[in-house]
């Protein structure tokens, strides 16, 4: 079966352009529990710190199942920087 052509909005090209973007340093502890996170797959940018926040494995699984990972990360951002930090994010 042929794959449908995606529109520009649906593009999955997340290419990195070093001329206009910068790579964020990955934090090494869970942003909620503070436990060390040796490897992560659940990340969210904290542009003000210039880092990628991470969740511990157990917390990530729990929040992914509930569908609340973005809400969790945004709550951490507000605790770190205040409510106005959310103006830096699209949604």
N, C-alpha and C. Protein backbone atom coordinates (compact mmCIF):
# COMPACT_ATOMS: atom_id res chain seq x y z
N UNK A 1 0.85 -1.18 0.00
CA UNK A 1 0.00 0.00 0.00
C UNK A 1 0.89 1.24 0.00
N UNK A 2 0.60 2.19 -0.85
CA UNK A 2 1.40 3.41 -0.96
C UNK A 2 1.13 4.33 0.21
N UNK A 3 2.19 4.94 0.69
CA UNK A 3 2.07 5.88 1.80
C UNK A 3 1.59 7.22 1.26
N UNK A 4 0.63 7.83 1.99
CA UNK A 4 0.13 9.14 1.57
C UNK A 4 1.23 10.18 1.69
N UNK A 5 1.21 11.10 0.78
CA UNK A 5 2.17 12.20 0.82
C UNK A 5 1.77 13.14 1.96
N UNK A 6 2.73 13.54 2.76
CA UNK A 6 2.41 14.44 3.87
C UNK A 6 2.53 15.89 3.43
N UNK A 7 1.72 16.73 4.05
CA UNK A 7 1.81 18.16 3.76
C UNK A 7 2.95 18.75 4.56
N UNK A 8 3.26 20.00 4.28
CA UNK A 8 4.35 20.66 4.99
C UNK A 8 4.08 20.71 6.49
N UNK A 9 2.82 20.92 6.88
CA UNK A 9 2.46 20.98 8.30
C UNK A 9 2.70 19.64 8.99
N UNK A 10 2.50 18.55 8.28
CA UNK A 10 2.63 17.22 8.86
C UNK A 10 4.04 16.65 8.72
N UNK A 11 4.94 17.42 8.21
CA UNK A 11 6.29 16.94 7.96
C UNK A 11 6.93 16.39 9.23
N UNK A 12 7.65 15.30 9.08
CA UNK A 12 8.36 14.72 10.22
C UNK A 12 9.85 14.97 10.11
N UNK A 13 10.24 15.93 9.29
CA UNK A 13 11.65 16.28 9.16
C UNK A 13 12.03 17.22 10.29
N UNK A 14 12.73 16.68 11.28
CA UNK A 14 13.16 17.47 12.42
C UNK A 14 14.66 17.73 12.31
N UNK A 15 15.10 18.09 11.12
CA UNK A 15 16.51 18.33 10.87
C UNK A 15 17.07 19.43 11.75
N UNK A 16 18.34 19.34 12.03
CA UNK A 16 19.02 20.32 12.88
C UNK A 16 19.86 21.23 12.00
N UNK A 17 19.61 22.51 12.09
CA UNK A 17 20.37 23.50 11.32
C UNK A 17 21.28 24.25 12.28
N UNK A 18 22.58 23.92 12.31
CA UNK A 18 23.49 24.56 13.26
C UNK A 18 23.64 26.06 13.06
N UNK A 19 23.25 26.56 11.90
CA UNK A 19 23.34 28.00 11.66
C UNK A 19 22.27 28.79 12.39
N UNK A 20 21.11 28.20 12.60
CA UNK A 20 20.02 28.94 13.22
C UNK A 20 19.53 28.30 14.52
N UNK A 21 20.00 27.12 14.85
CA UNK A 21 19.55 26.43 16.05
C UNK A 21 20.76 26.01 16.88
N UNK A 22 20.52 25.76 18.15
CA UNK A 22 21.60 25.24 18.98
C UNK A 22 21.10 24.00 19.71
N UNK A 23 22.00 23.09 19.90
CA UNK A 23 21.66 21.85 20.59
C UNK A 23 21.61 22.13 22.09
N UNK A 24 20.58 21.62 22.75
CA UNK A 24 20.44 21.84 24.19
C UNK A 24 21.09 20.70 24.96
N UNK A 25 21.76 21.04 26.03
CA UNK A 25 22.39 20.06 26.92
C UNK A 25 21.29 19.27 27.64
N UNK A 26 21.43 17.96 27.72
CA UNK A 26 20.44 17.12 28.39
C UNK A 26 20.75 17.07 29.88
N UNK A 27 19.74 17.37 30.70
CA UNK A 27 19.91 17.31 32.15
C UNK A 27 20.13 15.86 32.56
N UNK A 28 20.86 15.63 33.64
CA UNK A 28 21.14 14.25 34.05
C UNK A 28 20.32 13.79 35.24
N UNK A 29 19.38 14.63 35.70
CA UNK A 29 18.48 14.21 36.77
C UNK A 29 17.04 14.50 36.36
N UNK A 30 16.13 13.72 36.89
CA UNK A 30 14.70 13.89 36.62
C UNK A 30 14.27 15.25 37.14
N UNK A 31 13.55 16.00 36.33
CA UNK A 31 13.14 17.35 36.71
C UNK A 31 12.05 17.36 37.77
N UNK A 32 11.43 16.20 38.05
CA UNK A 32 10.38 16.12 39.06
C UNK A 32 10.92 15.51 40.36
N UNK A 33 11.59 14.36 40.25
CA UNK A 33 12.03 13.65 41.45
C UNK A 33 13.46 13.96 41.86
N UNK A 34 14.27 14.42 40.93
CA UNK A 34 15.67 14.70 41.22
C UNK A 34 16.57 13.49 41.13
N UNK A 35 15.99 12.31 40.82
CA UNK A 35 16.83 11.11 40.73
C UNK A 35 17.65 11.12 39.45
N UNK A 36 18.81 10.50 39.51
CA UNK A 36 19.71 10.44 38.36
C UNK A 36 19.06 9.67 37.22
N UNK A 37 19.20 10.18 36.01
CA UNK A 37 18.63 9.55 34.82
C UNK A 37 19.78 9.30 33.84
N UNK A 38 20.30 8.04 33.82
CA UNK A 38 21.44 7.74 32.96
C UNK A 38 21.10 7.75 31.46
N UNK A 39 19.86 7.43 31.12
CA UNK A 39 19.42 7.43 29.72
C UNK A 39 17.95 7.84 29.71
N UNK A 40 17.60 8.70 28.77
CA UNK A 40 16.22 9.19 28.75
C UNK A 40 15.66 9.18 27.34
N UNK A 41 14.34 9.05 27.27
CA UNK A 41 13.67 9.17 25.99
C UNK A 41 12.53 10.18 26.08
N UNK A 42 12.24 10.66 27.27
CA UNK A 42 11.16 11.62 27.48
C UNK A 42 11.79 12.95 27.86
N UNK A 43 11.84 13.88 26.91
CA UNK A 43 12.56 15.14 27.09
C UNK A 43 11.68 16.33 26.69
N UNK A 44 12.02 17.48 27.26
CA UNK A 44 11.29 18.71 26.96
C UNK A 44 12.25 19.88 27.16
N UNK A 45 12.25 20.85 26.26
CA UNK A 45 13.24 21.94 26.37
C UNK A 45 12.92 22.95 27.46
N UNK A 46 13.97 23.38 28.14
CA UNK A 46 13.91 24.53 29.05
C UNK A 46 14.82 25.56 28.41
N UNK A 47 14.24 26.41 27.57
CA UNK A 47 15.02 27.37 26.79
C UNK A 47 15.76 28.37 27.67
N UNK A 48 15.20 28.71 28.80
CA UNK A 48 15.85 29.70 29.66
C UNK A 48 17.13 29.17 30.29
N UNK A 49 17.16 27.87 30.60
CA UNK A 49 18.38 27.26 31.13
C UNK A 49 19.28 26.74 30.02
N UNK A 50 18.70 26.58 28.83
CA UNK A 50 19.46 26.02 27.72
C UNK A 50 19.67 24.52 27.86
N UNK A 51 18.68 23.85 28.46
CA UNK A 51 18.79 22.41 28.69
C UNK A 51 17.53 21.68 28.24
N UNK A 52 17.66 20.36 28.14
CA UNK A 52 16.51 19.49 27.90
C UNK A 52 16.18 18.82 29.22
N UNK A 53 14.99 19.07 29.73
CA UNK A 53 14.55 18.41 30.96
C UNK A 53 14.25 16.96 30.64
N UNK A 54 14.42 16.09 31.61
CA UNK A 54 14.13 14.67 31.42
C UNK A 54 13.30 14.15 32.58
N UNK A 55 12.60 13.05 32.33
CA UNK A 55 11.85 12.35 33.37
C UNK A 55 12.51 11.02 33.65
N UNK A 56 12.42 10.57 34.90
CA UNK A 56 12.90 9.23 35.24
C UNK A 56 12.06 8.22 34.46
N UNK A 57 12.59 7.04 34.31
CA UNK A 57 11.89 6.02 33.52
C UNK A 57 10.50 5.73 34.07
N UNK A 58 10.40 5.49 35.38
CA UNK A 58 9.10 5.14 35.96
C UNK A 58 8.10 6.28 35.84
N UNK A 59 8.55 7.50 36.07
CA UNK A 59 7.66 8.65 35.96
C UNK A 59 7.26 8.89 34.50
N UNK A 60 8.19 8.70 33.59
CA UNK A 60 7.88 8.87 32.17
C UNK A 60 6.81 7.89 31.72
N UNK A 61 6.96 6.63 32.11
CA UNK A 61 5.97 5.61 31.73
C UNK A 61 4.60 5.97 32.31
N UNK A 62 4.59 6.35 33.58
CA UNK A 62 3.33 6.72 34.24
C UNK A 62 2.65 7.89 33.54
N UNK A 63 3.41 8.95 33.26
CA UNK A 63 2.83 10.15 32.65
C UNK A 63 2.47 9.92 31.18
N UNK A 64 3.25 9.10 30.47
CA UNK A 64 2.90 8.78 29.08
C UNK A 64 1.59 8.02 29.02
N UNK A 65 1.39 7.10 29.94
CA UNK A 65 0.13 6.34 29.96
C UNK A 65 -1.06 7.25 30.25
N UNK A 66 -0.86 8.23 31.10
CA UNK A 66 -1.93 9.16 31.45
C UNK A 66 -2.09 10.26 30.40
N UNK A 67 -1.08 10.42 29.55
CA UNK A 67 -1.11 11.48 28.55
C UNK A 67 -0.83 12.86 29.15
N UNK A 68 -0.03 12.90 30.22
CA UNK A 68 0.20 14.16 30.92
C UNK A 68 1.67 14.60 30.93
N UNK A 69 2.48 14.09 30.03
CA UNK A 69 3.90 14.45 30.06
C UNK A 69 4.11 15.94 29.80
N UNK A 70 3.44 16.50 28.81
CA UNK A 70 3.61 17.92 28.50
C UNK A 70 3.16 18.78 29.67
N UNK A 71 2.04 18.43 30.27
CA UNK A 71 1.53 19.16 31.43
C UNK A 71 2.56 19.12 32.56
N UNK A 72 3.15 17.95 32.79
CA UNK A 72 4.16 17.80 33.84
C UNK A 72 5.36 18.69 33.58
N UNK A 73 5.88 18.67 32.37
CA UNK A 73 7.03 19.50 32.04
C UNK A 73 6.70 20.99 32.18
N UNK A 74 5.51 21.40 31.75
CA UNK A 74 5.14 22.81 31.86
C UNK A 74 4.99 23.23 33.32
N UNK A 75 4.52 22.33 34.18
CA UNK A 75 4.44 22.63 35.62
C UNK A 75 5.84 22.88 36.19
N UNK A 76 6.80 22.07 35.75
CA UNK A 76 8.18 22.25 36.21
C UNK A 76 8.72 23.59 35.72
N UNK A 77 8.45 23.93 34.47
CA UNK A 77 8.90 25.22 33.94
C UNK A 77 8.36 26.39 34.76
N UNK A 78 7.08 26.32 35.11
CA UNK A 78 6.46 27.39 35.90
C UNK A 78 7.11 27.48 37.28
N UNK A 79 7.41 26.33 37.90
CA UNK A 79 8.08 26.34 39.20
C UNK A 79 9.48 26.94 39.09
N UNK A 80 10.16 26.65 38.00
CA UNK A 80 11.53 27.15 37.82
C UNK A 80 11.58 28.63 37.48
N UNK A 81 10.66 29.09 36.62
CA UNK A 81 10.81 30.42 36.04
C UNK A 81 9.59 31.34 36.19
N UNK A 82 8.49 30.85 36.72
CA UNK A 82 7.28 31.66 36.82
C UNK A 82 6.36 31.45 35.62
N UNK A 83 5.11 31.90 35.76
CA UNK A 83 4.09 31.65 34.74
C UNK A 83 4.41 32.23 33.36
N UNK A 84 5.13 33.33 33.33
CA UNK A 84 5.42 33.99 32.05
C UNK A 84 6.30 33.14 31.15
N UNK A 85 6.98 32.13 31.71
CA UNK A 85 7.85 31.28 30.89
C UNK A 85 7.06 30.59 29.79
N UNK A 86 5.78 30.33 30.03
CA UNK A 86 4.97 29.62 29.05
C UNK A 86 4.76 30.44 27.78
N UNK A 87 5.01 31.75 27.85
CA UNK A 87 4.93 32.60 26.65
C UNK A 87 6.00 32.22 25.63
N UNK A 88 7.06 31.55 26.09
CA UNK A 88 8.15 31.13 25.21
C UNK A 88 7.80 29.89 24.39
N UNK A 89 6.66 29.26 24.69
CA UNK A 89 6.29 28.00 24.06
C UNK A 89 5.01 28.18 23.25
N UNK A 90 4.94 27.48 22.14
CA UNK A 90 3.80 27.61 21.23
C UNK A 90 2.50 27.11 21.82
N UNK A 91 2.53 25.94 22.44
CA UNK A 91 1.28 25.40 22.99
C UNK A 91 1.53 24.71 24.30
